[in-house]
C-alpha atoms as a PDB file:
ATOM      1  CA  UNK A   1     -10.990 -12.733 -17.525  1.00  0.00           C
ATOM      2  CA  UNK A   2     -10.404 -10.427 -14.542  1.00  0.00           C
ATOM      3  CA  UNK A   3      -7.205 -11.038 -12.621  1.00  0.00           C
ATOM      4  CA  UNK A   4      -7.422 -11.008  -8.843  1.00  0.00           C
ATOM      5  CA  UNK A   5      -4.728  -9.357  -6.781  1.00  0.00           C
ATOM      6  CA  UNK A   6      -2.755 -11.655  -4.512  1.00  0.00           C
ATOM      7  CA  UNK A   7      -3.065  -9.210  -1.660  1.00  0.00           C
ATOM      8  CA  UNK A   8      -6.439  -7.516  -2.421  1.00  0.00           C
ATOM      9  CA  UNK A   9      -4.720  -4.206  -1.713  1.00  0.00           C
ATOM     10  CA  UNK A  10      -3.160  -2.181  -4.483  1.00  0.00           C
ATOM     11  CA  UNK A  11       0.177  -0.407  -4.313  1.00  0.00           C
ATOM     12  CA  UNK A  12      -1.388   3.016  -3.749  1.00  0.00           C
ATOM     13  CA  UNK A  13      -3.750   1.590  -1.125  1.00  0.00           C
ATOM     14  CA  UNK A  14      -0.786   0.198   0.824  1.00  0.00           C
ATOM     15  CA  UNK A  15       1.068   3.488   0.466  1.00  0.00           C
ATOM     16  CA  UNK A  16      -1.915   5.423   1.830  1.00  0.00           C
ATOM     17  CA  UNK A  17      -2.412   2.914   4.638  1.00  0.00           C
ATOM     18  CA  UNK A  18       1.221   3.299   5.719  1.00  0.00           C
ATOM     19  CA  UNK A  19       0.833   7.075   5.858  1.00  0.00           C
ATOM     20  CA  UNK A  20      -2.318   6.834   7.980  1.00  0.00           C
ATOM     21  CA  UNK A  21      -0.571   4.375  10.318  1.00  0.00           C
ATOM     22  CA  UNK A  22       2.369   6.778  10.634  1.00  0.00           C
ATOM     23  CA  UNK A  23       0.128   9.780  11.308  1.00  0.00           C
ATOM     24  CA  UNK A  24      -2.371   8.015  13.581  1.00  0.00           C
ATOM     25  CA  UNK A  25      -5.209   9.848  11.897  1.00  0.00           C
ATOM     26  CA  UNK A  26      -5.229  11.921   8.739  1.00  0.00           C
ATOM     27  CA  UNK A  27      -7.297  13.830   6.241  1.00  0.00           C
ATOM     28  CA  UNK A  28      -7.034  13.328   2.511  1.00  0.00           C
ATOM     29  CA  UNK A  29      -4.953  16.510   2.361  1.00  0.00           C
ATOM     30  CA  UNK A  30      -2.541  15.173   5.019  1.00  0.00           C
ATOM     31  CA  UNK A  31      -1.904  11.968   3.087  1.00  0.00           C
ATOM     32  CA  UNK A  32      -1.668  13.742  -0.271  1.00  0.00           C
ATOM     33  CA  UNK A  33       0.903  16.164   1.142  1.00  0.00           C
ATOM     34  CA  UNK A  34       3.116  13.258   2.156  1.00  0.00           C
ATOM     35  CA  UNK A  35       2.766  11.465  -1.179  1.00  0.00           C
ATOM     36  CA  UNK A  36       3.529  14.669  -3.092  1.00  0.00           C
ATOM     37  CA  UNK A  37       7.037  14.514  -1.612  1.00  0.00           C
ATOM     38  CA  UNK A  38       7.695  11.532  -3.933  1.00  0.00           C
ATOM     39  CA  UNK A  39       5.284  11.901  -6.827  1.00  0.00           C
ATOM     40  CA  UNK A  40       2.398  13.918  -8.206  1.00  0.00           C
ATOM     41  CA  UNK A  41      -1.054  12.645  -7.310  1.00  0.00           C
ATOM     42  CA  UNK A  42      -4.513  14.170  -7.547  1.00  0.00           C
ATOM     43  CA  UNK A  43      -6.498  14.980  -4.404  1.00  0.00           C
ATOM     44  CA  UNK A  44      -9.435  13.022  -5.812  1.00  0.00           C
ATOM     45  CA  UNK A  45      -7.262   9.951  -6.300  1.00  0.00           C
ATOM     46  CA  UNK A  46      -6.261   9.912  -2.628  1.00  0.00           C
ATOM     47  CA  UNK A  47      -9.863  10.616  -1.606  1.00  0.00           C
ATOM     48  CA  UNK A  48     -11.094   7.639  -3.647  1.00  0.00           C
ATOM     49  CA  UNK A  49      -8.380   5.347  -2.252  1.00  0.00           C
ATOM     50  CA  UNK A  50      -9.166   6.336   1.333  1.00  0.00           C
ATOM     51  CA  UNK A  51     -12.891   5.772   0.795  1.00  0.00           C
ATOM     52  CA  UNK A  52     -12.162   2.317  -0.638  1.00  0.00           C
ATOM     53  CA  UNK A  53      -9.901   1.483   2.302  1.00  0.00           C
ATOM     54  CA  UNK A  54     -12.739   2.441   4.633  1.00  0.00           C
ATOM     55  CA  UNK A  55     -15.170   0.265   2.650  1.00  0.00           C
ATOM     56  CA  UNK A  56     -12.722  -2.655   2.916  1.00  0.00           C
ATOM     57  CA  UNK A  57     -12.489  -2.177   6.677  1.00  0.00           C
ATOM     58  CA  UNK A  58      -8.911  -0.914   6.845  1.00  0.00           C
ATOM     59  CA  UNK A  59      -9.808   2.658   7.853  1.00  0.00           C
ATOM     60  CA  UNK A  60     -12.512   4.307   9.907  1.00  0.00           C
ATOM     61  CA  UNK A  61     -13.510   7.946   9.630  1.00  0.00           C
ATOM     62  CA  UNK A  62     -15.430  10.753  11.253  1.00  0.00           C
ATOM     63  CA  UNK A  63     -16.344  14.196  10.076  1.00  0.00           C
ATOM     64  CA  UNK A  64     -14.692  17.314  11.496  1.00  0.00           C
ATOM     65  CA  UNK A  65     -16.209  20.422   9.935  1.00  0.00           C
ATOM     66  CA  UNK A  66     -16.081  19.869   6.213  1.00  0.00           C
ATOM     67  CA  UNK A  67     -13.285  17.301   6.327  1.00  0.00           C
ATOM     68  CA  UNK A  68     -13.277  13.586   6.932  1.00  0.00           C
ATOM     69  CA  UNK A  69     -10.606  12.406   9.334  1.00  0.00           C
ATOM     70  CA  UNK A  70      -9.465   8.827   8.775  1.00  0.00           C
ATOM     71  CA  UNK A  71      -7.873   6.488  11.319  1.00  0.00           C
ATOM     72  CA  UNK A  72      -6.636   2.899  11.116  1.00  0.00           C
ATOM     73  CA  UNK A  73      -9.301   0.277  11.723  1.00  0.00           C
ATOM     74  CA  UNK A  74      -6.616  -2.413  11.964  1.00  0.00           C
ATOM     75  CA  UNK A  75      -3.085  -2.355  13.311  1.00  0.00           C
ATOM     76  CA  UNK A  76      -0.164  -2.823  10.885  1.00  0.00           C
ATOM     77  CA  UNK A  77       0.755  -6.262  12.258  1.00  0.00           C
ATOM     78  CA  UNK A  78      -2.840  -7.499  11.769  1.00  0.00           C
ATOM     79  CA  UNK A  79      -2.876  -6.375   8.143  1.00  0.00           C
ATOM     80  CA  UNK A  80       0.629  -7.673   7.458  1.00  0.00           C
ATOM     81  CA  UNK A  81      -0.264 -11.079   8.917  1.00  0.00           C
ATOM     82  CA  UNK A  82      -3.472 -11.280   6.903  1.00  0.00           C
ATOM     83  CA  UNK A  83      -1.733 -10.312   3.657  1.00  0.00           C
ATOM     84  CA  UNK A  84       1.139 -12.700   4.311  1.00  0.00           C
ATOM     85  CA  UNK A  85      -1.278 -15.557   5.062  1.00  0.00           C
ATOM     86  CA  UNK A  86      -3.061 -14.874   1.775  1.00  0.00           C
ATOM     87  CA  UNK A  87       0.208 -14.739  -0.158  1.00  0.00           C
ATOM     88  CA  UNK A  88       1.512 -17.893   1.528  1.00  0.00           C
ATOM     89  CA  UNK A  89      -1.693 -19.774   0.720  1.00  0.00           C
ATOM     90  CA  UNK A  90      -1.809 -18.719  -2.928  1.00  0.00           C
ATOM     91  CA  UNK A  91       1.886 -18.751  -3.848  1.00  0.00           C
ATOM     92  CA  UNK A  92       3.445 -21.282  -1.478  1.00  0.00           C
ATOM     93  CA  UNK A  93       0.528 -23.727  -1.118  1.00  0.00           C
ATOM     94  CA  UNK A  94       0.188 -22.727   2.530  1.00  0.00           C
ATOM     95  CA  UNK A  95       3.748 -23.686   3.430  1.00  0.00           C
ATOM     96  CA  UNK A  96       5.510 -21.257   5.784  1.00  0.00           C
ATOM     97  CA  UNK A  97       8.800 -23.112   5.285  1.00  0.00           C
ATOM     98  CA  UNK A  98       8.613 -22.675   1.487  1.00  0.00           C
ATOM     99  CA  UNK A  99       8.013 -18.953   1.950  1.00  0.00           C
ATOM    100  CA  UNK A 100      10.946 -18.578   4.357  1.00  0.00           C
ATOM    101  CA  UNK A 101      13.202 -20.760   2.204  1.00  0.00           C
ATOM    102  CA  UNK A 102      12.484 -18.580  -0.832  1.00  0.00           C
ATOM    103  CA  UNK A 103      13.072 -15.422   1.171  1.00  0.00           C
ATOM    104  CA  UNK A 104      16.348 -16.613   2.651  1.00  0.00           C
ATOM    105  CA  UNK A 105      17.741 -18.212  -0.507  1.00  0.00           C
ATOM    106  CA  UNK A 106      16.556 -15.712  -3.129  1.00  0.00           C
ATOM    107  CA  UNK A 107      16.936 -12.397  -1.334  1.00  0.00           C
ATOM    108  CA  UNK A 108      20.309 -10.756  -1.036  1.00  0.00           C
ATOM    109  CA  UNK A 109      20.240 -10.735   2.764  1.00  0.00           C
ATOM    110  CA  UNK A 110      22.948  -8.953   4.679  1.00  0.00           C
ATOM    111  CA  UNK A 111      24.735 -10.765   7.475  1.00  0.00           C
ATOM    112  CA  UNK A 112      22.782  -8.570   9.893  1.00  0.00           C
ATOM    113  CA  UNK A 113      19.415  -9.567   8.376  1.00  0.00           C
ATOM    114  CA  UNK A 114      20.353 -13.269   8.459  1.00  0.00           C
ATOM    115  CA  UNK A 115      21.413 -12.900  12.102  1.00  0.00           C
ATOM    116  CA  UNK A 116      18.097 -11.174  12.947  1.00  0.00           C
ATOM    117  CA  UNK A 117      16.118 -14.004  11.316  1.00  0.00           C
ATOM    118  CA  UNK A 118      18.173 -16.611  13.177  1.00  0.00           C
ATOM    119  CA  UNK A 119      17.645 -14.732  16.463  1.00  0.00           C
ATOM    120  CA  UNK A 120      13.876 -14.699  15.874  1.00  0.00           C
ATOM    121  CA  UNK A 121      13.865 -18.466  15.321  1.00  0.00           C
ATOM    122  CA  UNK A 122      16.131 -19.055  18.331  1.00  0.00           C
ATOM    123  CA  UNK A 123      13.842 -16.935  20.519  1.00  0.00           C
ATOM    124  CA  UNK A 124      10.782 -18.872  19.328  1.00  0.00           C
ATOM    125  CA  UNK A 125      12.484 -22.190  20.101  1.00  0.00           C
ATOM    126  CA  UNK A 126      13.531 -20.961  23.544  1.00  0.00           C
ATOM    127  CA  UNK A 127       9.986 -19.797  24.216  1.00  0.00           C
ATOM    128  CA  UNK A 128       8.578 -23.180  23.166  1.00  0.00           C
ATOM    129  CA  UNK A 129      11.059 -24.989  25.414  1.00  0.00           C
ATOM    130  CA  UNK A 130      10.071 -22.707  28.311  1.00  0.00           C
ATOM    131  CA  UNK A 131       6.376 -23.423  27.661  1.00  0.00           C
ATOM    132  CA  UNK A 132       7.109 -27.159  27.608  1.00  0.00           C
ATOM    133  CA  UNK A 133       8.974 -26.894  30.924  1.00  0.00           C
ATOM    134  CA  UNK A 134       6.044 -24.975  32.476  1.00  0.00           C
ATOM    135  CA  UNK A 135       3.578 -27.632  31.323  1.00  0.00           C
ATOM    136  CA  UNK A 136       5.594 -30.482  32.826  1.00  0.00           C
END
């Protein structure tokens, strides 16, 4: 039985995607050069991953001379939201509160990270209150 990935993107695919986001647009050689800073990887491996990301709709490309130049087809926040939605649905039965509870209780969050999360929630509540006042 074949196991399906929770995110439908592999570790190397995410790594490549992050590099393309950082660079704005990139060739296979550009991405490989960055990855080689951390580990050895074949040119053909990166080429295959980038082609698959294009097939999945995460990258676009055009030809410049003999090289293909890849660019993001989706912004990081779009992809992150989509992957998080998928994870939340499959692991947390669609419950955002269960996901956040697990994150807050199980992760070793610094005081700064906890404060940032609280500030995000406070800002959302303030925004909702402001929207309610505008509607009244």
